Amino acid sequence: MRVFVTLCALFLIFVGIGVPSEYKYIPNVYNPSATPLPEEELECLIQNIYFEASTQNEYGKIGVAQVTLNRVDSPDFPNTICGVVHQGPRAGKNPRLCQFSWHCDGKSDRIRSRSVYEESRRIALRVVFSRSKKDYTQGATHYHAVYVKPWWVKGLTRTIQLGDHIFYRK
């Protein structure tokens, strides 16, 4: 029986449980010296995942992270993560002009759930470290919640739905 349990444990360690193969060997522990981003940029990505997708499943959160990075790569958006996340007016202005609604919705941007924040951090690191691998959004630079019908989707190609978000690219 001990041999069976040991073999099962080794199998789970080497194979992984429910993790797409492109994310299997990505560290879950933040090591600033190993991260290819300045800490400020990583923090902007973490906050964007946290505030945009805190209620989403893992793939919904990954999608938000990938859209953020796809925008950094696009000439249509700022070329830094913080520039993309904070693009548009601040609270009290016109929230329709913000790239991400949480940035100018007038609500507190205080982290309320440490566990959701830590999950957002792990996902940010996974996406950053596996950036050259699979992009579940298929190059999307835009998304919206399933319960809204935004005007800006005209002219964009729908790529996928992850969680409660629908993703689009040009």
C-alpha atoms as a PDB file:
ATOM      1  CA  MET A   1       0.000   0.000   0.000  1.00  0.00           C
ATOM      2  CA  ARG A   2       2.861   2.394   0.830  1.00  0.00           C
ATOM      3  CA  VAL A   3       4.401   1.786  -2.564  1.00  0.00           C
ATOM      4  CA  PHE A   4       1.091   2.586  -4.261  1.00  0.00           C
ATOM      5  CA  VAL A   5       0.680   5.858  -2.327  1.00  0.00           C
ATOM      6  CA  THR A   6       4.286   6.827  -3.050  1.00  0.00           C
ATOM      7  CA  LEU A   7       3.840   6.123  -6.759  1.00  0.00           C
ATOM      8  CA  CYS A   8       0.618   8.154  -6.820  1.00  0.00           C
ATOM      9  CA  ALA A   9       2.345  11.070  -5.089  1.00  0.00           C
ATOM     10  CA  LEU A  10       5.245  10.962  -7.550  1.00  0.00           C
ATOM     11  CA  PHE A  11       2.836  10.784 -10.459  1.00  0.00           C
ATOM     12  CA  LEU A  12       0.996  13.890  -9.260  1.00  0.00           C
ATOM     13  CA  ILE A  13       4.238  15.762  -8.691  1.00  0.00           C
ATOM     14  CA  PHE A  14       5.617  15.016 -12.145  1.00  0.00           C
ATOM     15  CA  VAL A  15       2.397  15.195 -14.139  1.00  0.00           C
ATOM     16  CA  GLY A  16       0.522  17.981 -12.335  1.00  0.00           C
ATOM     17  CA  ILE A  17      -3.157  18.255 -11.645  1.00  0.00           C
ATOM     18  CA  GLY A  18      -5.434  20.344 -13.830  1.00  0.00           C
ATOM     19  CA  VAL A  19      -2.675  22.677 -15.006  1.00  0.00           C
ATOM     20  CA  PRO A  20      -2.221  23.272 -18.721  1.00  0.00           C
ATOM     21  CA  SER A  21       1.140  21.907 -19.841  1.00  0.00           C
ATOM     22  CA  GLU A  22       2.533  25.326 -20.700  1.00  0.00           C
ATOM     23  CA  TYR A  23       2.163  26.355 -17.049  1.00  0.00           C
ATOM     24  CA  LYS A  24       3.428  23.184 -15.328  1.00  0.00           C
ATOM     25  CA  TYR A  25       6.977  24.244 -14.645  1.00  0.00           C
ATOM     26  CA  ILE A  26       6.407  27.890 -13.806  1.00  0.00           C
ATOM     27  CA  PRO A  27       7.278  28.781 -10.226  1.00  0.00           C
ATOM     28  CA  ASN A  28       4.458  29.767  -7.896  1.00  0.00           C
ATOM     29  CA  VAL A  29       6.865  31.627  -5.638  1.00  0.00           C
ATOM     30  CA  TYR A  30       7.710  35.211  -6.540  1.00  0.00           C
ATOM     31  CA  ASN A  31      11.430  35.626  -7.000  1.00  0.00           C
ATOM     32  CA  PRO A  32      12.081  39.268  -7.982  1.00  0.00           C
ATOM     33  CA  SER A  33      15.504  38.486  -9.420  1.00  0.00           C
ATOM     34  CA  ALA A  34      13.995  35.872 -11.772  1.00  0.00           C
ATOM     35  CA  THR A  35      11.072  38.002 -12.950  1.00  0.00           C
ATOM     36  CA  PRO A  36      11.681  39.600 -16.349  1.00  0.00           C
ATOM     37  CA  LEU A  37       9.723  42.698 -15.253  1.00  0.00           C
ATOM     38  CA  PRO A  38      10.428  45.557 -12.885  1.00  0.00           C
ATOM     39  CA  GLU A  39       8.442  45.097  -9.675  1.00  0.00           C
ATOM     40  CA  GLU A  40       6.242  48.133 -10.434  1.00  0.00           C
ATOM     41  CA  GLU A  41       5.203  46.638 -13.781  1.00  0.00           C
ATOM     42  CA  LEU A  42       4.446  43.282 -12.193  1.00  0.00           C
ATOM     43  CA  GLU A  43       2.368  45.009  -9.505  1.00  0.00           C
ATOM     44  CA  CYS A  44       0.300  46.826 -12.170  1.00  0.00           C
ATOM     45  CA  LEU A  45      -0.401  43.474 -13.858  1.00  0.00           C
ATOM     46  CA  ILE A  46      -1.341  41.857 -10.540  1.00  0.00           C
ATOM     47  CA  GLN A  47      -3.718  44.697  -9.675  1.00  0.00           C
ATOM     48  CA  ASN A  48      -5.331  44.569 -13.103  1.00  0.00           C
ATOM     49  CA  ILE A  49      -6.003  40.847 -12.725  1.00  0.00           C
ATOM     50  CA  TYR A  50      -7.239  41.372  -9.157  1.00  0.00           C
ATOM     51  CA  PHE A  51      -9.650  44.224  -9.898  1.00  0.00           C
ATOM     52  CA  GLU A  52     -10.805  43.103 -13.350  1.00  0.00           C
ATOM     53  CA  ALA A  53     -11.182  39.371 -12.750  1.00  0.00           C
ATOM     54  CA  SER A  54     -11.307  38.611  -9.019  1.00  0.00           C
ATOM     55  CA  THR A  55     -14.508  36.580  -9.443  1.00  0.00           C
ATOM     56  CA  GLN A  56     -13.331  34.792 -12.608  1.00  0.00           C
ATOM     57  CA  ASN A  57     -11.952  31.280 -12.835  1.00  0.00           C
ATOM     58  CA  GLU A  58      -8.250  30.745 -13.504  1.00  0.00           C
ATOM     59  CA  TYR A  59      -8.631  31.012 -17.277  1.00  0.00           C
ATOM     60  CA  GLY A  60     -10.623  34.238 -16.953  1.00  0.00           C
ATOM     61  CA  LYS A  61      -7.788  35.708 -14.907  1.00  0.00           C
ATOM     62  CA  ILE A  62      -5.192  34.434 -17.384  1.00  0.00           C
ATOM     63  CA  GLY A  63      -7.201  36.051 -20.186  1.00  0.00           C
ATOM     64  CA  VAL A  64      -7.126  39.460 -18.482  1.00  0.00           C
ATOM     65  CA  ALA A  65      -3.363  39.148 -17.998  1.00  0.00           C
ATOM     66  CA  GLN A  66      -2.851  38.151 -21.629  1.00  0.00           C
ATOM     67  CA  VAL A  67      -4.946  41.056 -22.924  1.00  0.00           C
ATOM     68  CA  THR A  68      -2.886  43.435 -20.802  1.00  0.00           C
ATOM     69  CA  LEU A  69       0.366  42.076 -22.263  1.00  0.00           C
ATOM     70  CA  ASN A  70      -1.065  41.949 -25.802  1.00  0.00           C
ATOM     71  CA  ARG A  71      -1.846  45.661 -25.483  1.00  0.00           C
ATOM     72  CA  VAL A  72       1.729  46.368 -24.403  1.00  0.00           C
ATOM     73  CA  ASP A  73       2.852  44.690 -27.643  1.00  0.00           C
ATOM     74  CA  SER A  74       0.353  46.657 -29.771  1.00  0.00           C
ATOM     75  CA  PRO A  75       1.277  50.034 -31.289  1.00  0.00           C
ATOM     76  CA  ASP A  76      -2.264  51.200 -30.410  1.00  0.00           C
ATOM     77  CA  PHE A  77      -1.556  51.238 -26.662  1.00  0.00           C
ATOM     78  CA  PRO A  78       1.201  52.390 -24.289  1.00  0.00           C
ATOM     79  CA  ASN A  79       4.294  50.173 -24.303  1.00  0.00           C
ATOM     80  CA  THR A  80       4.375  49.446 -20.562  1.00  0.00           C
ATOM     81  CA  ILE A  81       2.023  47.432 -18.383  1.00  0.00           C
ATOM     82  CA  CYS A  82       1.393  50.350 -16.029  1.00  0.00           C
ATOM     83  CA  GLY A  83       0.833  52.632 -19.025  1.00  0.00           C
ATOM     84  CA  VAL A  84      -1.791  50.237 -20.408  1.00  0.00           C
ATOM     85  CA  VAL A  85      -3.502  49.666 -17.058  1.00  0.00           C
ATOM     86  CA  HIS A  86      -3.686  53.351 -16.162  1.00  0.00           C
ATOM     87  CA  GLN A  87      -4.529  54.662 -19.630  1.00  0.00           C
ATOM     88  CA  GLY A  88      -7.463  57.063 -19.508  1.00  0.00           C
ATOM     89  CA  PRO A  89      -8.789  59.492 -16.905  1.00  0.00           C
ATOM     90  CA  ARG A  90      -8.725  58.863 -13.169  1.00  0.00           C
ATOM     91  CA  ALA A  91     -11.769  58.520 -10.862  1.00  0.00           C
ATOM     92  CA  GLY A  92     -14.352  61.257 -11.142  1.00  0.00           C
ATOM     93  CA  LYS A  93     -13.791  61.716 -14.865  1.00  0.00           C
ATOM     94  CA  ASN A  94     -15.566  59.766 -17.594  1.00  0.00           C
ATOM     95  CA  PRO A  95     -15.211  56.048 -16.776  1.00  0.00           C
ATOM     96  CA  ARG A  96     -16.180  55.180 -20.350  1.00  0.00           C
ATOM     97  CA  LEU A  97     -12.789  56.490 -21.442  1.00  0.00           C
ATOM     98  CA  CYS A  98     -10.729  54.223 -19.181  1.00  0.00           C
ATOM     99  CA  GLN A  99      -9.184  51.105 -20.642  1.00  0.00           C
ATOM    100  CA  PHE A 100     -10.036  49.122 -17.498  1.00  0.00           C
ATOM    101  CA  SER A 101     -13.142  50.098 -15.557  1.00  0.00           C
ATOM    102  CA  TRP A 102     -11.679  49.563 -12.085  1.00  0.00           C
ATOM    103  CA  HIS A 103      -9.140  52.286 -12.704  1.00  0.00           C
ATOM    104  CA  CYS A 104     -11.707  55.082 -12.846  1.00  0.00           C
ATOM    105  CA  ASP A 105     -14.894  53.745 -11.265  1.00  0.00           C
ATOM    106  CA  GLY A 106     -14.530  55.923  -8.172  1.00  0.00           C
ATOM    107  CA  LYS A 107     -14.311  52.890  -5.870  1.00  0.00           C
ATOM    108  CA  SER A 108     -11.459  52.179  -3.494  1.00  0.00           C
ATOM    109  CA  ASP A 109      -8.520  50.345  -5.021  1.00  0.00           C
ATOM    110  CA  ARG A 110      -7.616  48.788  -1.687  1.00  0.00           C
ATOM    111  CA  ILE A 111      -6.816  45.063  -1.732  1.00  0.00           C
ATOM    112  CA  ARG A 112      -9.560  43.418   0.318  1.00  0.00           C
ATOM    113  CA  SER A 113      -8.762  39.730  -0.145  1.00  0.00           C
ATOM    114  CA  ARG A 114      -5.209  38.579   0.433  1.00  0.00           C
ATOM    115  CA  SER A 115      -5.954  35.140  -1.039  1.00  0.00           C
ATOM    116  CA  VAL A 116      -7.386  36.590  -4.284  1.00  0.00           C
ATOM    117  CA  TYR A 117      -4.419  38.958  -4.481  1.00  0.00           C
ATOM    118  CA  GLU A 118      -1.975  36.043  -4.071  1.00  0.00           C
ATOM    119  CA  GLU A 119      -3.816  34.068  -6.758  1.00  0.00           C
ATOM    120  CA  SER A 120      -3.618  37.111  -9.056  1.00  0.00           C
ATOM    121  CA  ARG A 121       0.117  37.339  -8.348  1.00  0.00           C
ATOM    122  CA  ARG A 122       0.662  33.656  -9.173  1.00  0.00           C
ATOM    123  CA  ILE A 123      -1.264  34.017 -12.424  1.00  0.00           C
ATOM    124  CA  ALA A 124       0.637  37.178 -13.387  1.00  0.00           C
ATOM    125  CA  LEU A 125       3.924  35.337 -12.919  1.00  0.00           C
ATOM    126  CA  ARG A 126       2.693  32.303 -14.845  1.00  0.00           C
ATOM    127  CA  VAL A 127       1.628  34.421 -17.801  1.00  0.00           C
ATOM    128  CA  VAL A 128       4.840  36.478 -17.784  1.00  0.00           C
ATOM    129  CA  PHE A 129       7.057  33.381 -17.633  1.00  0.00           C
ATOM    130  CA  SER A 130       5.083  31.533 -20.326  1.00  0.00           C
ATOM    131  CA  ARG A 131       4.453  34.496 -22.601  1.00  0.00           C
ATOM    132  CA  SER A 132       5.975  32.867 -25.668  1.00  0.00           C
ATOM    133  CA  LYS A 133       3.690  29.866 -25.292  1.00  0.00           C
ATOM    134  CA  LYS A 134      -0.096  29.621 -25.605  1.00  0.00           C
ATOM    135  CA  ASP A 135      -2.219  32.766 -25.609  1.00  0.00           C
ATOM    136  CA  TYR A 136      -5.716  31.561 -24.740  1.00  0.00           C
ATOM    137  CA  THR A 137      -7.187  34.850 -25.959  1.00  0.00           C
ATOM    138  CA  GLN A 138      -5.730  34.313 -29.451  1.00  0.00           C
ATOM    139  CA  GLY A 139      -4.145  37.758 -29.537  1.00  0.00           C
ATOM    140  CA  ALA A 140      -7.067  39.635 -28.003  1.00  0.00           C
ATOM    141  CA  THR A 141      -6.594  43.258 -27.011  1.00  0.00           C
ATOM    142  CA  HIS A 142     -10.143  43.835 -25.788  1.00  0.00           C
ATOM    143  CA  TYR A 143     -12.735  42.081 -23.647  1.00  0.00           C
ATOM    144  CA  HIS A 144     -15.957  42.755 -21.825  1.00  0.00           C
ATOM    145  CA  ALA A 145     -18.245  41.026 -19.367  1.00  0.00           C
ATOM    146  CA  VAL A 146     -20.937  38.803 -20.870  1.00  0.00           C
ATOM    147  CA  TYR A 147     -23.711  40.958 -19.416  1.00  0.00           C
ATOM    148  CA  VAL A 148     -22.777  44.140 -21.320  1.00  0.00           C
ATOM    149  CA  LYS A 149     -22.988  45.041 -25.009  1.00  0.00           C
ATOM    150  CA  PRO A 150     -20.305  47.681 -25.622  1.00  0.00           C
ATOM    151  CA  TRP A 151     -20.309  49.935 -28.657  1.00  0.00           C
ATOM    152  CA  TRP A 152     -16.608  49.390 -29.352  1.00  0.00           C
ATOM    153  CA  VAL A 153     -16.914  45.712 -30.444  1.00  0.00           C
ATOM    154  CA  LYS A 154     -17.918  46.752 -33.965  1.00  0.00           C
ATOM    155  CA  GLY A 155     -15.004  45.985 -36.255  1.00  0.00           C
ATOM    156  CA  LEU A 156     -13.331  43.575 -33.825  1.00  0.00           C
ATOM    157  CA  THR A 157     -13.173  39.793 -34.175  1.00  0.00           C
ATOM    158  CA  ARG A 158     -14.482  37.726 -31.290  1.00  0.00           C
ATOM    159  CA  THR A 159     -11.914  35.112 -30.277  1.00  0.00           C
ATOM    160  CA  ILE A 160     -13.092  33.262 -27.161  1.00  0.00           C
ATOM    161  CA  GLN A 161     -15.047  33.409 -23.938  1.00  0.00           C
ATOM    162  CA  LEU A 162     -13.107  32.699 -20.741  1.00  0.00           C
ATOM    163  CA  GLY A 163     -15.109  32.838 -17.546  1.00  0.00           C
ATOM    164  CA  ASP A 164     -17.546  35.731 -17.779  1.00  0.00           C
ATOM    165  CA  HIS A 165     -15.439  37.691 -20.271  1.00  0.00           C
ATOM    166  CA  ILE A 166     -15.673  37.700 -24.066  1.00  0.00           C
ATOM    167  CA  PHE A 167     -12.389  38.479 -25.849  1.00  0.00           C
ATOM    168  CA  TYR A 168     -11.739  40.300 -29.155  1.00  0.00           C
ATOM    169  CA  ARG A 169      -8.868  41.269 -31.459  1.00  0.00           C
ATOM    170  CA  LYS A 170      -8.561  43.579 -34.454  1.00  0.00           C
END
